[in-house]
Amino acid sequence: MAALARAVRLLSNSARLRAVTTQRAPALSTRSHTLSTAAAAIDEEAEWSVAFKDATDAFSGEDSHETSAQRMRELVKSGLLRHTDLRDRPDRFFEAHRLLARRAVSEGPGFWIRFTVHYNLCYGTVLAVGNEDQIAALDDVEALGKLGCFALTEKRAGVQSGLVVETSATFDAATNEFVLNSPSQGAYLCRNQPYRRDDSAECAVKL
């Protein structure tokens, strides 16, 4: 966790230094300003890549589920990768995947799979189809370090997951929540639960 905190601190300090330097530099021309801005953006992404790599280098395929979950919570809370980066900074989003996948051969795909379940399947779905309030709530997920999973598959659906759906959801106004009903054991939802201790789940149901 110390490596993660150090990486975030270094990235933050670098950003502040770059902002001060930009304020002091005289504007020679529109073209030079454009080139300078582009160069600064490249530098920022390079610095981010180094910070993300440093923050995740300690992650190991030997980590227990509990340790892996805690590492993921700390990574989410650090803000190094925002849930909205898939929409706002796709290059950074996919660079994070590349940096984690490069270690899958030596460490196994465990953490990388947990990472993609959280950012892509669970909260990527919220980003893709959620309303404004639901997307805004992603800030709370980050602040609290909540973990997400994906509960798309019904036991009997097999490869038709998401297309064959028996589970329904009924809104309960008294509790302000949806109540799920699976009419048979074959309709029970199977959760992609890589941590054994997630906080939220996405699922496909009939409304």
C-alpha atoms as a PDB file:
ATOM      1  CA  MET A   1       0.000   0.000   0.000  1.00  0.00           C
ATOM      2  CA  ALA A   2       2.984   2.307   0.613  1.00  0.00           C
ATOM      3  CA  ALA A   3       4.035   1.978  -3.029  1.00  0.00           C
ATOM      4  CA  LEU A   4       0.533   2.985  -4.133  1.00  0.00           C
ATOM      5  CA  ALA A   5       0.503   6.060  -1.902  1.00  0.00           C
ATOM      6  CA  ARG A   6       3.987   7.052  -3.076  1.00  0.00           C
ATOM      7  CA  ALA A   7       2.990   6.709  -6.743  1.00  0.00           C
ATOM      8  CA  VAL A   8      -0.089   8.903  -6.262  1.00  0.00           C
ATOM      9  CA  ARG A   9       1.957  11.508  -4.366  1.00  0.00           C
ATOM     10  CA  LEU A  10       4.661  11.680  -7.037  1.00  0.00           C
ATOM     11  CA  LEU A  11       2.099  12.014  -9.805  1.00  0.00           C
ATOM     12  CA  SER A  12       0.317  14.803  -7.928  1.00  0.00           C
ATOM     13  CA  ASN A  13       3.563  16.713  -7.285  1.00  0.00           C
ATOM     14  CA  SER A  14       4.559  16.379 -10.920  1.00  0.00           C
ATOM     15  CA  ALA A  15       1.215  17.777 -12.069  1.00  0.00           C
ATOM     16  CA  ARG A  16       1.560  20.803  -9.774  1.00  0.00           C
ATOM     17  CA  LEU A  17       5.093  21.490 -11.008  1.00  0.00           C
ATOM     18  CA  ARG A  18       3.955  21.263 -14.622  1.00  0.00           C
ATOM     19  CA  ALA A  19       1.112  23.713 -13.936  1.00  0.00           C
ATOM     20  CA  VAL A  20       3.488  26.274 -12.360  1.00  0.00           C
ATOM     21  CA  THR A  21       5.962  25.953 -15.253  1.00  0.00           C
ATOM     22  CA  THR A  22       3.194  26.482 -17.795  1.00  0.00           C
ATOM     23  CA  GLN A  23       2.004  29.625 -16.021  1.00  0.00           C
ATOM     24  CA  ARG A  24       5.495  31.171 -16.068  1.00  0.00           C
ATOM     25  CA  ALA A  25       6.364  30.308 -19.669  1.00  0.00           C
ATOM     26  CA  PRO A  26       5.796  33.223 -22.141  1.00  0.00           C
ATOM     27  CA  ALA A  27       3.424  32.516 -25.032  1.00  0.00           C
ATOM     28  CA  LEU A  28       5.628  32.876 -28.143  1.00  0.00           C
ATOM     29  CA  SER A  29       2.962  31.936 -30.684  1.00  0.00           C
ATOM     30  CA  THR A  30      -0.184  29.958 -31.131  1.00  0.00           C
ATOM     31  CA  ARG A  31       1.765  27.150 -32.789  1.00  0.00           C
ATOM     32  CA  SER A  32       4.379  26.901 -30.051  1.00  0.00           C
ATOM     33  CA  HIS A  33       1.636  26.930 -27.444  1.00  0.00           C
ATOM     34  CA  THR A  34      -0.145  24.082 -29.228  1.00  0.00           C
ATOM     35  CA  LEU A  35       3.076  22.060 -29.444  1.00  0.00           C
ATOM     36  CA  SER A  36       3.822  22.770 -25.798  1.00  0.00           C
ATOM     37  CA  THR A  37       0.338  21.638 -24.778  1.00  0.00           C
ATOM     38  CA  ALA A  38       0.678  18.433 -26.777  1.00  0.00           C
ATOM     39  CA  ALA A  39       4.106  17.729 -25.271  1.00  0.00           C
ATOM     40  CA  ALA A  40       2.746  18.349 -21.766  1.00  0.00           C
ATOM     41  CA  ALA A  41      -0.098  15.908 -22.414  1.00  0.00           C
ATOM     42  CA  ILE A  42       2.371  13.259 -23.556  1.00  0.00           C
ATOM     43  CA  ASP A  43       4.518  13.864 -20.483  1.00  0.00           C
ATOM     44  CA  GLU A  44       1.473  13.627 -18.227  1.00  0.00           C
ATOM     45  CA  GLU A  45       0.435  10.267 -19.672  1.00  0.00           C
ATOM     46  CA  ALA A  46       4.003   8.943 -19.450  1.00  0.00           C
ATOM     47  CA  GLU A  47       4.175  10.000 -15.798  1.00  0.00           C
ATOM     48  CA  TRP A  48       0.784   8.413 -15.150  1.00  0.00           C
ATOM     49  CA  SER A  49       1.952   5.126 -16.693  1.00  0.00           C
ATOM     50  CA  VAL A  50       4.995   5.071 -14.432  1.00  0.00           C
ATOM     51  CA  ALA A  51       2.843   5.867 -11.381  1.00  0.00           C
ATOM     52  CA  PHE A  52       0.315   3.138 -12.202  1.00  0.00           C
ATOM     53  CA  LYS A  53       3.060   0.592 -12.843  1.00  0.00           C
ATOM     54  CA  ASP A  54       4.761   1.457  -9.549  1.00  0.00           C
ATOM     55  CA  ALA A  55       1.451   1.283  -7.699  1.00  0.00           C
ATOM     56  CA  THR A  56       0.639  -2.223  -8.960  1.00  0.00           C
ATOM     57  CA  ASP A  57       4.088  -3.854  -9.110  1.00  0.00           C
ATOM     58  CA  ALA A  58       3.686  -5.280  -5.613  1.00  0.00           C
ATOM     59  CA  PHE A  59       0.510  -7.152  -6.571  1.00  0.00           C
ATOM     60  CA  SER A  60       1.167 -10.885  -6.662  1.00  0.00           C
ATOM     61  CA  GLY A  61      -0.565 -13.977  -7.956  1.00  0.00           C
ATOM     62  CA  GLU A  62       0.145 -15.468  -4.536  1.00  0.00           C
ATOM     63  CA  ASP A  63      -2.073 -12.913  -2.770  1.00  0.00           C
ATOM     64  CA  SER A  64      -5.033 -14.331  -0.851  1.00  0.00           C
ATOM     65  CA  HIS A  65      -8.559 -13.263  -1.818  1.00  0.00           C
ATOM     66  CA  GLU A  66      -8.599 -10.946   1.188  1.00  0.00           C
ATOM     67  CA  THR A  67      -5.277  -9.309   0.304  1.00  0.00           C
ATOM     68  CA  SER A  68      -6.233  -8.995  -3.346  1.00  0.00           C
ATOM     69  CA  ALA A  69      -9.544  -7.384  -2.388  1.00  0.00           C
ATOM     70  CA  GLN A  70      -7.787  -4.887  -0.125  1.00  0.00           C
ATOM     71  CA  ARG A  71      -5.258  -4.023  -2.843  1.00  0.00           C
ATOM     72  CA  MET A  72      -8.115  -3.442  -5.267  1.00  0.00           C
ATOM     73  CA  ARG A  73      -9.959  -1.249  -2.777  1.00  0.00           C
ATOM     74  CA  GLU A  74      -6.855   0.889  -2.268  1.00  0.00           C
ATOM     75  CA  LEU A  75      -6.309   1.181  -6.025  1.00  0.00           C
ATOM     76  CA  VAL A  76      -9.917   2.300  -6.550  1.00  0.00           C
ATOM     77  CA  LYS A  77      -9.673   4.841  -3.706  1.00  0.00           C
ATOM     78  CA  SER A  78      -6.382   6.240  -5.044  1.00  0.00           C
ATOM     79  CA  GLY A  79      -8.123   7.725  -8.084  1.00  0.00           C
ATOM     80  CA  LEU A  80      -5.243   6.725 -10.346  1.00  0.00           C
ATOM     81  CA  LEU A  81      -7.853   5.238 -12.657  1.00  0.00           C
ATOM     82  CA  ARG A  82     -11.287   6.835 -12.586  1.00  0.00           C
ATOM     83  CA  HIS A  83     -14.396   4.866 -13.481  1.00  0.00           C
ATOM     84  CA  THR A  84     -15.199   7.558 -16.055  1.00  0.00           C
ATOM     85  CA  ASP A  85     -11.808   7.228 -17.770  1.00  0.00           C
ATOM     86  CA  LEU A  86     -13.349   4.628 -20.092  1.00  0.00           C
ATOM     87  CA  ARG A  87     -15.428   7.514 -21.483  1.00  0.00           C
ATOM     88  CA  ASP A  88     -13.162  10.507 -20.886  1.00  0.00           C
ATOM     89  CA  ARG A  89      -9.656   9.033 -21.172  1.00  0.00           C
ATOM     90  CA  PRO A  90      -9.902   5.739 -23.082  1.00  0.00           C
ATOM     91  CA  ASP A  91      -6.169   5.688 -23.877  1.00  0.00           C
ATOM     92  CA  ARG A  92      -5.363   5.791 -20.166  1.00  0.00           C
ATOM     93  CA  PHE A  93      -8.053   3.231 -19.392  1.00  0.00           C
ATOM     94  CA  PHE A  94      -6.668   0.668 -21.830  1.00  0.00           C
ATOM     95  CA  GLU A  95      -3.070   1.454 -20.876  1.00  0.00           C
ATOM     96  CA  ALA A  96      -3.958   0.368 -17.330  1.00  0.00           C
ATOM     97  CA  HIS A  97      -5.180  -2.952 -18.718  1.00  0.00           C
ATOM     98  CA  ARG A  98      -2.004  -3.376 -20.745  1.00  0.00           C
ATOM     99  CA  LEU A  99       0.228  -2.660 -17.759  1.00  0.00           C
ATOM    100  CA  LEU A 100      -1.577  -5.276 -15.659  1.00  0.00           C
ATOM    101  CA  ALA A 101      -1.834  -7.861 -18.449  1.00  0.00           C
ATOM    102  CA  ARG A 102       1.933  -7.766 -19.043  1.00  0.00           C
ATOM    103  CA  ARG A 103       2.397  -9.593 -15.721  1.00  0.00           C
ATOM    104  CA  ALA A 104      -0.264 -12.240 -16.301  1.00  0.00           C
ATOM    105  CA  VAL A 105       2.329 -14.702 -17.652  1.00  0.00           C
ATOM    106  CA  SER A 106       4.477 -14.573 -14.517  1.00  0.00           C
ATOM    107  CA  GLU A 107       1.833 -13.847 -11.862  1.00  0.00           C
ATOM    108  CA  GLY A 108      -1.243 -15.471 -13.395  1.00  0.00           C
ATOM    109  CA  PRO A 109      -4.370 -13.621 -14.596  1.00  0.00           C
ATOM    110  CA  GLY A 110      -6.029 -13.420 -11.161  1.00  0.00           C
ATOM    111  CA  PHE A 111      -5.794  -9.726 -10.329  1.00  0.00           C
ATOM    112  CA  TRP A 112      -6.129  -8.685 -13.966  1.00  0.00           C
ATOM    113  CA  ILE A 113      -9.458 -10.564 -14.170  1.00  0.00           C
ATOM    114  CA  ARG A 114     -10.650  -9.000 -10.913  1.00  0.00           C
ATOM    115  CA  PHE A 115      -9.652  -5.582 -12.244  1.00  0.00           C
ATOM    116  CA  THR A 116     -11.612  -6.018 -15.509  1.00  0.00           C
ATOM    117  CA  VAL A 117     -14.675  -7.397 -13.711  1.00  0.00           C
ATOM    118  CA  HIS A 118     -14.754  -4.292 -11.516  1.00  0.00           C
ATOM    119  CA  TYR A 119     -13.958  -1.564 -14.064  1.00  0.00           C
ATOM    120  CA  ASN A 120     -15.380  -3.083 -17.258  1.00  0.00           C
ATOM    121  CA  LEU A 121     -18.229  -5.469 -16.468  1.00  0.00           C
ATOM    122  CA  CYS A 122     -19.679  -3.884 -13.339  1.00  0.00           C
ATOM    123  CA  TYR A 123     -19.099  -0.138 -13.386  1.00  0.00           C
ATOM    124  CA  GLY A 124     -18.436   0.029 -17.122  1.00  0.00           C
ATOM    125  CA  THR A 125     -22.057  -1.090 -17.496  1.00  0.00           C
ATOM    126  CA  VAL A 126     -23.186   1.731 -15.202  1.00  0.00           C
ATOM    127  CA  LEU A 127     -21.205   4.196 -17.315  1.00  0.00           C
ATOM    128  CA  ALA A 128     -22.703   2.817 -20.547  1.00  0.00           C
ATOM    129  CA  VAL A 129     -26.403   2.625 -19.632  1.00  0.00           C
ATOM    130  CA  GLY A 130     -26.772   4.432 -16.294  1.00  0.00           C
ATOM    131  CA  ASN A 131     -28.551   7.748 -15.832  1.00  0.00           C
ATOM    132  CA  GLU A 132     -26.829  10.935 -14.649  1.00  0.00           C
ATOM    133  CA  ASP A 133     -27.387  10.216 -10.959  1.00  0.00           C
ATOM    134  CA  GLN A 134     -26.080   6.655 -11.258  1.00  0.00           C
ATOM    135  CA  ILE A 135     -22.959   7.793 -13.094  1.00  0.00           C
ATOM    136  CA  ALA A 136     -22.399  10.576 -10.546  1.00  0.00           C
ATOM    137  CA  ALA A 137     -22.605   7.923  -7.802  1.00  0.00           C
ATOM    138  CA  LEU A 138     -19.399   6.391  -9.196  1.00  0.00           C
ATOM    139  CA  ASP A 139     -17.553   9.114  -7.271  1.00  0.00           C
ATOM    140  CA  ASP A 140     -18.826   7.571  -4.024  1.00  0.00           C
ATOM    141  CA  VAL A 141     -17.740   4.111  -5.185  1.00  0.00           C
ATOM    142  CA  GLU A 142     -14.239   5.482  -5.692  1.00  0.00           C
ATOM    143  CA  ALA A 143     -14.133   7.424  -2.424  1.00  0.00           C
ATOM    144  CA  LEU A 144     -15.205   4.369  -0.415  1.00  0.00           C
ATOM    145  CA  GLY A 145     -13.175   1.845  -2.395  1.00  0.00           C
ATOM    146  CA  LYS A 146     -16.205  -0.316  -3.140  1.00  0.00           C
ATOM    147  CA  LEU A 147     -15.776  -3.472  -5.241  1.00  0.00           C
ATOM    148  CA  GLY A 148     -18.136  -4.531  -7.990  1.00  0.00           C
ATOM    149  CA  CYS A 149     -18.954  -7.842  -9.644  1.00  0.00           C
ATOM    150  CA  PHE A 150     -21.182  -9.051 -12.492  1.00  0.00           C
ATOM    151  CA  ALA A 151     -24.233 -11.275 -11.986  1.00  0.00           C
ATOM    152  CA  LEU A 152     -25.371 -11.699 -15.577  1.00  0.00           C
ATOM    153  CA  THR A 153     -25.482 -15.476 -15.922  1.00  0.00           C
ATOM    154  CA  GLU A 154     -28.519 -17.532 -14.958  1.00  0.00           C
ATOM    155  CA  LYS A 155     -27.696 -21.170 -14.228  1.00  0.00           C
ATOM    156  CA  ARG A 156     -29.785 -22.562 -17.083  1.00  0.00           C
ATOM    157  CA  ALA A 157     -28.950 -19.836 -19.627  1.00  0.00           C
ATOM    158  CA  GLY A 158     -25.465 -21.069 -20.509  1.00  0.00           C
ATOM    159  CA  VAL A 159     -24.057 -19.206 -23.524  1.00  0.00           C
ATOM    160  CA  GLN A 160     -27.394 -17.378 -23.869  1.00  0.00           C
ATOM    161  CA  SER A 161     -26.625 -15.306 -20.768  1.00  0.00           C
ATOM    162  CA  GLY A 162     -28.317 -11.944 -21.006  1.00  0.00           C
ATOM    163  CA  LEU A 163     -30.583 -13.146 -23.840  1.00  0.00           C
ATOM    164  CA  VAL A 164     -32.480 -15.822 -21.898  1.00  0.00           C
ATOM    165  CA  VAL A 165     -33.655 -14.124 -18.693  1.00  0.00           C
ATOM    166  CA  GLU A 166     -36.261 -15.436 -16.257  1.00  0.00           C
ATOM    167  CA  THR A 167     -35.334 -13.331 -13.236  1.00  0.00           C
ATOM    168  CA  SER A 168     -37.536 -10.298 -12.755  1.00  0.00           C
ATOM    169  CA  ALA A 169     -37.174  -7.142 -10.695  1.00  0.00           C
ATOM    170  CA  THR A 170     -40.060  -5.375  -8.969  1.00  0.00           C
ATOM    171  CA  PHE A 171     -39.663  -1.926  -7.487  1.00  0.00           C
ATOM    172  CA  ASP A 172     -40.590  -1.642  -3.814  1.00  0.00           C
ATOM    173  CA  ALA A 173     -41.533   1.969  -3.123  1.00  0.00           C
ATOM    174  CA  ALA A 174     -41.461   1.411   0.640  1.00  0.00           C
ATOM    175  CA  THR A 175     -37.772   0.513   0.651  1.00  0.00           C
ATOM    176  CA  ASN A 176     -36.842   2.417  -2.534  1.00  0.00           C
ATOM    177  CA  GLU A 177     -35.174  -0.649  -4.029  1.00  0.00           C
ATOM    178  CA  PHE A 178     -35.719  -3.390  -6.559  1.00  0.00           C
ATOM    179  CA  VAL A 179     -36.613  -6.894  -5.342  1.00  0.00           C
ATOM    180  CA  LEU A 180     -35.271  -9.743  -7.492  1.00  0.00           C
ATOM    181  CA  ASN A 181     -37.339 -12.863  -8.101  1.00  0.00           C
ATOM    182  CA  SER A 182     -35.909 -16.000  -9.707  1.00  0.00           C
ATOM    183  CA  PRO A 183     -38.858 -18.339 -10.381  1.00  0.00           C
ATOM    184  CA  SER A 184     -36.761 -21.510 -10.486  1.00  0.00           C
ATOM    185  CA  GLN A 185     -33.336 -22.811  -9.549  1.00  0.00           C
ATOM    186  CA  GLY A 186     -32.370 -22.612 -13.209  1.00  0.00           C
ATOM    187  CA  ALA A 187     -32.948 -18.866 -13.053  1.00  0.00           C
ATOM    188  CA  TYR A 188     -30.660 -18.308 -10.078  1.00  0.00           C
ATOM    189  CA  LEU A 189     -28.030 -15.711 -10.876  1.00  0.00           C
ATOM    190  CA  CYS A 190     -24.385 -16.792 -10.895  1.00  0.00           C
ATOM    191  CA  ARG A 191     -22.148 -14.013  -9.681  1.00  0.00           C
ATOM    192  CA  ASN A 192     -18.733 -13.387 -11.126  1.00  0.00           C
ATOM    193  CA  GLN A 193     -17.378 -12.743  -7.646  1.00  0.00           C
ATOM    194  CA  PRO A 194     -13.567 -12.725  -7.807  1.00  0.00           C
ATOM    195  CA  TYR A 195     -13.035 -11.366  -4.279  1.00  0.00           C
ATOM    196  CA  ARG A 196     -15.629 -13.327  -2.276  1.00  0.00           C
ATOM    197  CA  ARG A 197     -16.475  -9.947  -0.754  1.00  0.00           C
ATOM    198  CA  ASP A 198     -17.846  -7.534  -3.356  1.00  0.00           C
ATOM    199  CA  ASP A 199     -20.117  -4.600  -2.526  1.00  0.00           C
ATOM    200  CA  SER A 200     -22.235  -4.260  -5.696  1.00  0.00           C
ATOM    201  CA  ALA A 201     -23.309  -6.382  -8.634  1.00  0.00           C
ATOM    202  CA  GLU A 202     -24.724  -5.734 -12.097  1.00  0.00           C
ATOM    203  CA  CYS A 203     -27.405  -8.137 -13.365  1.00  0.00           C
ATOM    204  CA  ALA A 204     -29.749  -8.576 -16.325  1.00  0.00           C
ATOM    205  CA  VAL A 205     -33.427  -8.932 -15.339  1.00  0.00           C
ATOM    206  CA  LYS A 206     -36.947  -8.439 -16.682  1.00  0.00           C
ATOM    207  CA  LEU A 207     -38.672  -5.298 -15.449  1.00  0.00           C
END
